[in-house]
Amino acid sequence: MTNTNPKVDEYLRKTKKWKTESEKLREIILDCELIEDFKWMHPCYTFQNKNVVLIHGFKDYCAVLFIKGSLLKDTHGILIQQTENVQAGRQIRFTHVEQITEMENILKAYIHEAIEIEKAGLQVDFKGNEELAIPDELQHKFKEISGLQTAFEALTPGRQRAYIHYVNQAKQSKTRTSRVEKYVQQILDGKGLND
């Protein structure tokens, strides 16, 4: 295999679950002439320094994640939006290596389409945070704590979205308030929900 990365070799050596599946996905992806890197603790494949696909394993499945998957045509109807809040990425999931082998040509077609998206410079049209309702509980804290609103607005849009979604997922106001209070200092420190 060409364009391999020693960090991915190490990752695969340590991988217990989904090892065979990850190795097969790696082989297919590298055959599409992408450059192998290691980002976010997963094998990542790039075209002209743009992230195109990731390989990652979960408890119940192994997946290839297309970074701008929402822009793919998905002619076979196989792309999965991991959660309702994911705007760009789409996965193709596998539970055994035979599925990957059977889908090799389809996977390569999707990868080549993803490369063409990068060549064309296409971008995902992300929903802005202005479309998301800031929870009342967070707005109350903005009034209570000097600098909190400024710190929140200085966060990246993705970090703001993560906090808004996390707080809004709670059904009771008491829980939303508790969630806001838990992360006040982290927001003031300029950190995201998972930093």
Protein backbone atom coordinates (compact mmCIF):
# COMPACT_ATOMS: atom_id res chain seq x y z
CA MET A 1 0.00 0.00 0.00
CA THR A 2 1.25 3.46 -0.81
CA ASN A 3 0.74 6.67 1.16
CA THR A 4 0.43 4.82 4.47
CA ASN A 5 0.93 6.56 7.78
CA PRO A 6 2.80 4.92 10.69
CA LYS A 7 0.23 6.28 13.16
CA VAL A 8 -2.49 4.34 11.33
CA ASP A 9 -0.29 1.22 11.35
CA GLU A 10 -0.02 1.61 15.13
CA TYR A 11 -3.77 2.25 15.47
CA LEU A 12 -4.55 -0.95 13.52
CA ARG A 13 -2.02 -2.97 15.54
CA LYS A 14 -3.82 -1.94 18.75
CA THR A 15 -7.34 -2.30 17.36
CA LYS A 16 -9.16 -5.34 18.68
CA LYS A 17 -12.69 -4.84 17.42
CA TRP A 18 -13.26 -4.16 13.71
CA LYS A 19 -9.58 -4.77 12.84
CA THR A 20 -10.25 -6.79 9.67
CA GLU A 21 -12.97 -4.37 8.57
CA SER A 22 -10.75 -1.33 9.17
CA GLU A 23 -7.87 -2.92 7.25
CA LYS A 24 -10.16 -3.65 4.28
CA LEU A 25 -11.57 -0.10 4.31
CA ARG A 26 -8.01 1.24 4.44
CA GLU A 27 -7.03 -0.84 1.41
CA ILE A 28 -10.04 0.40 -0.59
CA ILE A 29 -9.54 4.04 0.38
CA LEU A 30 -5.81 4.04 -0.38
CA ASP A 31 -6.58 2.51 -3.77
CA CYS A 32 -8.48 5.76 -4.48
CA GLU A 33 -5.18 7.68 -4.15
CA LEU A 34 -6.00 9.59 -1.01
CA ILE A 35 -3.31 10.51 1.52
CA GLU A 36 -3.49 8.69 4.83
CA ASP A 37 -3.33 10.74 8.02
CA PHE A 38 -4.37 10.21 11.63
CA LYS A 39 -6.76 12.79 13.10
CA TRP A 40 -9.26 12.76 15.95
CA MET A 41 -7.76 9.40 16.98
CA HIS A 42 -8.89 7.77 13.71
CA PRO A 43 -7.48 7.03 10.27
CA CYS A 44 -8.30 10.05 8.11
CA TYR A 45 -7.84 10.31 4.35
CA THR A 46 -7.22 13.57 2.57
CA PHE A 47 -7.08 15.08 -0.90
CA GLN A 48 -4.89 18.19 -1.23
CA ASN A 49 -4.93 18.57 2.57
CA LYS A 50 -8.76 18.46 2.68
CA ASN A 51 -10.34 15.77 4.87
CA VAL A 52 -12.42 13.41 2.73
CA VAL A 53 -13.14 10.25 4.76
CA LEU A 54 -12.50 8.71 8.17
CA ILE A 55 -12.57 5.11 9.34
CA HIS A 56 -14.00 4.61 12.79
CA GLY A 57 -15.35 1.78 14.89
CA PHE A 58 -18.23 1.85 17.30
CA LYS A 59 -19.69 -0.74 19.63
CA ASP A 60 -22.09 -2.22 17.09
CA TYR A 61 -20.53 -1.33 13.76
CA CYS A 62 -17.52 -0.09 11.84
CA ALA A 63 -18.02 2.87 9.52
CA VAL A 64 -16.49 4.99 6.84
CA LEU A 65 -17.45 8.62 7.43
CA PHE A 66 -17.62 11.04 4.52
CA ILE A 67 -16.74 14.48 5.91
CA LYS A 68 -18.99 16.26 3.37
CA GLY A 69 -21.34 13.30 2.95
CA SER A 70 -24.43 15.50 2.84
CA LEU A 71 -23.21 16.70 -0.58
CA LEU A 72 -22.98 13.18 -2.03
CA LYS A 73 -25.77 12.04 -4.35
CA ASP A 74 -26.16 8.74 -2.42
CA THR A 75 -27.50 6.90 -5.46
CA HIS A 76 -27.64 3.64 -3.48
CA GLY A 77 -29.38 5.14 -0.43
CA ILE A 78 -26.73 3.85 1.97
CA LEU A 79 -25.53 7.00 3.72
CA ILE A 80 -26.56 7.47 7.34
CA GLN A 81 -26.73 10.72 9.27
CA GLN A 82 -25.19 9.74 12.59
CA THR A 83 -27.44 12.02 14.67
CA GLU A 84 -30.02 14.67 13.82
CA ASN A 85 -27.53 17.39 14.76
CA VAL A 86 -24.82 16.29 12.32
CA GLN A 87 -25.01 18.65 9.36
CA ALA A 88 -22.25 17.54 6.97
CA GLY A 89 -20.93 14.06 7.74
CA ARG A 90 -22.54 10.84 6.57
CA GLN A 91 -21.59 7.23 7.35
CA ILE A 92 -21.73 3.90 5.63
CA ARG A 93 -21.88 1.24 8.35
CA PHE A 94 -20.65 -2.34 8.32
CA THR A 95 -20.92 -5.27 10.70
CA HIS A 96 -18.58 -7.69 8.88
CA VAL A 97 -15.80 -7.58 6.31
CA GLU A 98 -17.86 -9.42 3.68
CA GLN A 99 -20.21 -6.43 3.43
CA ILE A 100 -17.24 -4.20 2.68
CA THR A 101 -15.89 -6.60 0.06
CA GLU A 102 -19.30 -6.81 -1.64
CA MET A 103 -19.60 -3.02 -1.69
CA GLU A 104 -16.03 -2.26 -2.80
CA ASN A 105 -17.00 -0.77 -6.18
CA ILE A 106 -19.81 1.31 -4.65
CA LEU A 107 -17.47 2.57 -1.91
CA LYS A 108 -14.88 3.58 -4.50
CA ALA A 109 -17.55 5.41 -6.50
CA TYR A 110 -18.64 7.34 -3.39
CA ILE A 111 -15.01 8.14 -2.52
CA HIS A 112 -14.31 9.39 -6.05
CA GLU A 113 -17.44 11.54 -5.86
CA ALA A 114 -16.22 12.95 -2.52
CA ILE A 115 -12.86 13.76 -4.16
CA GLU A 116 -14.67 15.56 -6.99
CA ILE A 117 -16.56 17.61 -4.39
CA GLU A 118 -13.20 18.72 -2.98
CA LYS A 119 -11.80 19.46 -6.45
CA ALA A 120 -14.83 21.64 -7.15
CA GLY A 121 -14.40 23.44 -3.82
CA LEU A 122 -17.99 22.73 -2.76
CA GLN A 123 -18.97 23.61 0.80
CA VAL A 124 -21.74 22.39 3.06
CA ASP A 125 -24.32 25.08 3.75
CA PHE A 126 -24.36 24.91 7.55
CA LYS A 127 -27.33 26.17 9.52
CA GLY A 128 -26.21 29.20 11.43
CA ASN A 129 -26.54 29.47 15.17
CA GLU A 130 -29.04 32.27 14.63
CA GLU A 131 -31.45 29.51 13.58
CA LEU A 132 -31.06 27.84 16.98
CA ALA A 133 -32.99 29.10 19.97
CA ILE A 134 -30.71 29.88 22.88
CA PRO A 135 -32.32 28.29 25.93
CA ASP A 136 -33.91 30.68 28.44
CA GLU A 137 -31.78 29.16 31.18
CA LEU A 138 -28.60 30.15 29.32
CA GLN A 139 -29.94 33.63 28.62
CA HIS A 140 -30.66 34.07 32.35
CA LYS A 141 -27.05 33.12 33.14
CA PHE A 142 -25.87 35.69 30.57
CA LYS A 143 -27.62 38.35 32.68
CA GLU A 144 -26.36 36.93 35.99
CA ILE A 145 -22.70 36.39 35.13
CA SER A 146 -20.66 39.22 33.70
CA GLY A 147 -18.74 38.21 30.58
CA LEU A 148 -20.55 34.90 30.02
CA GLN A 149 -22.45 36.07 26.93
CA THR A 150 -19.29 37.57 25.45
CA ALA A 151 -17.38 34.34 26.13
CA PHE A 152 -20.18 32.27 24.60
CA GLU A 153 -20.31 34.43 21.48
CA ALA A 154 -16.52 34.12 21.12
CA LEU A 155 -16.81 30.32 20.87
CA THR A 156 -16.76 28.74 17.42
CA PRO A 157 -20.22 28.19 15.89
CA GLY A 158 -19.86 24.44 16.37
CA ARG A 159 -19.09 24.81 20.07
CA GLN A 160 -22.05 27.16 20.50
CA ARG A 161 -24.32 24.65 18.73
CA ALA A 162 -23.06 21.82 20.95
CA TYR A 163 -23.94 23.74 24.13
CA ILE A 164 -27.33 24.82 22.77
CA HIS A 165 -28.23 21.27 21.73
CA TYR A 166 -26.99 19.80 25.00
CA VAL A 167 -29.01 22.19 27.13
CA ASN A 168 -32.12 22.01 24.91
CA GLN A 169 -32.18 18.20 25.03
CA ALA A 170 -33.24 18.32 28.68
CA LYS A 171 -37.02 18.24 29.07
CA GLN A 172 -37.23 20.01 32.43
CA SER A 173 -36.11 23.57 33.12
CA LYS A 174 -34.43 22.39 36.32
CA THR A 175 -32.22 20.03 34.29
CA ARG A 176 -31.47 22.69 31.67
CA THR A 177 -30.42 25.10 34.45
CA SER A 178 -28.20 22.43 35.98
CA ARG A 179 -26.56 21.77 32.61
CA VAL A 180 -25.87 25.47 32.08
CA GLU A 181 -24.38 25.83 35.57
CA LYS A 182 -22.16 22.81 35.06
CA TYR A 183 -20.48 24.40 32.02
CA VAL A 184 -20.32 28.11 32.95
CA GLN A 185 -16.62 28.00 33.81
CA GLN A 186 -15.81 25.99 30.69
CA ILE A 187 -17.57 28.60 28.53
CA LEU A 188 -15.74 31.40 30.34
CA ASP A 189 -12.48 29.54 29.65
CA GLY A 190 -13.32 29.47 25.91
CA LYS A 191 -13.73 25.71 25.82
CA GLY A 192 -16.31 23.60 24.04
CA LEU A 193 -18.61 21.03 25.61
CA ASN A 194 -16.16 18.18 25.00
CA ASP A 195 -12.83 20.01 25.38
